[in-house]
Amino acid sequence: MPRFHFNIYDGYTARDDAGTELEDHEAARTMAIRLAGELMVDEGRRTKLGNEWRLEVTDHTGLVLYRIDFSIAESSAVAKRWV
């Protein structure tokens, strides 16, 4: 089975050196979506994630197969309300 790595970048790099063996690319894509959701829930509670972060899925050679980007931006309405 192929091995996939799920690396997180949020100002710091959390490399998944061990990786995970999965059946195929589609299974890696599904796992990436699930992992991103878990990160948003878990890290959102602690507000550790920065305003911009991403999760990249790579194969054993380091080739990026999938990328999920997240960005949090304050609207002007929020900025005005708290001034």
Protein backbone atom coordinates (compact mmCIF):
# COMPACT_ATOMS: atom_id res chain seq x y z
CA MET A 1 0.00 0.00 0.00
CA PRO A 2 1.22 3.53 -0.71
CA ARG A 3 2.25 5.82 2.15
CA PHE A 4 0.88 9.37 2.39
CA HIS A 5 2.07 12.23 4.58
CA PHE A 6 -0.20 14.91 6.08
CA ASN A 7 1.84 18.06 6.76
CA ILE A 8 0.46 21.13 8.51
CA TYR A 9 1.74 24.67 7.98
CA ASP A 10 0.49 27.51 10.21
CA GLY A 11 3.54 29.68 10.68
CA TYR A 12 5.30 26.55 11.89
CA THR A 13 5.73 23.27 10.07
CA ALA A 14 4.35 20.05 11.51
CA ARG A 15 5.73 17.39 9.19
CA ASP A 16 4.23 13.94 9.21
CA ASP A 17 7.47 12.00 8.84
CA ALA A 18 5.91 8.61 9.59
CA GLY A 19 3.04 8.92 7.16
CA THR A 20 0.06 6.62 6.84
CA GLU A 21 -0.46 3.68 4.55
CA LEU A 22 -3.71 4.02 2.66
CA GLU A 23 -5.32 2.20 -0.22
CA ASP A 24 -5.07 5.00 -2.79
CA HIS A 25 -5.09 8.75 -3.50
CA GLU A 26 -8.84 8.98 -2.94
CA ALA A 27 -8.46 7.50 0.55
CA ALA A 28 -5.73 10.08 1.25
CA ARG A 29 -8.02 12.88 0.05
CA THR A 30 -10.82 11.67 2.31
CA MET A 31 -8.45 11.43 5.28
CA ALA A 32 -7.14 14.96 4.61
CA ILE A 33 -10.66 16.39 4.70
CA ARG A 34 -11.42 14.53 7.91
CA LEU A 35 -8.13 15.63 9.50
CA ALA A 36 -8.71 19.27 8.52
CA GLY A 37 -12.13 19.16 10.17
CA GLU A 38 -10.67 17.68 13.34
CA LEU A 39 -7.96 20.34 13.41
CA MET A 40 -10.50 23.12 13.08
CA VAL A 41 -12.51 21.75 16.00
CA ASP A 42 -9.60 20.86 18.29
CA GLU A 43 -7.30 23.79 17.60
CA GLY A 44 -10.17 26.26 17.30
CA ARG A 45 -11.00 25.62 20.94
CA ARG A 46 -7.47 26.61 21.89
CA THR A 47 -7.09 29.27 19.16
CA LYS A 48 -3.61 27.95 18.33
CA LEU A 49 -4.10 28.00 14.59
CA GLY A 50 -3.04 31.23 13.00
CA ASN A 51 -5.14 33.29 10.64
CA GLU A 52 -3.81 31.31 7.70
CA TRP A 53 -2.82 27.68 7.58
CA ARG A 54 -2.81 24.72 5.25
CA LEU A 55 -2.69 20.97 5.19
CA GLU A 56 -0.75 19.27 2.41
CA VAL A 57 -0.92 15.62 1.46
CA THR A 58 2.25 14.28 -0.14
CA ASP A 59 3.34 10.94 -1.47
CA HIS A 60 6.51 9.14 -0.34
CA THR A 61 8.64 11.31 -2.67
CA GLY A 62 7.31 14.60 -1.25
CA LEU A 63 5.11 15.36 -4.27
CA VAL A 64 2.11 17.43 -3.12
CA LEU A 65 -1.07 15.60 -4.10
CA TYR A 66 -3.70 17.66 -2.28
CA ARG A 67 -3.72 20.96 -0.44
CA ILE A 68 -6.39 22.39 1.86
CA ASP A 69 -6.05 26.10 2.67
CA PHE A 70 -7.78 27.95 5.50
CA SER A 71 -7.89 31.68 6.05
CA ILE A 72 -9.63 33.72 8.74
CA ALA A 73 -10.25 37.34 7.86
CA GLU A 74 -12.05 39.98 9.91
CA SER A 75 -14.66 41.92 7.99
CA SER A 76 -14.85 45.69 8.29
CA ALA A 77 -18.07 45.29 10.29
CA VAL A 78 -16.23 43.36 13.01
CA ALA A 79 -13.36 45.84 13.08
CA LYS A 80 -15.76 48.80 13.48
CA ARG A 81 -17.81 47.10 16.17
CA TRP A 82 -14.86 46.54 18.50
CA VAL A 83 -13.16 49.92 18.11
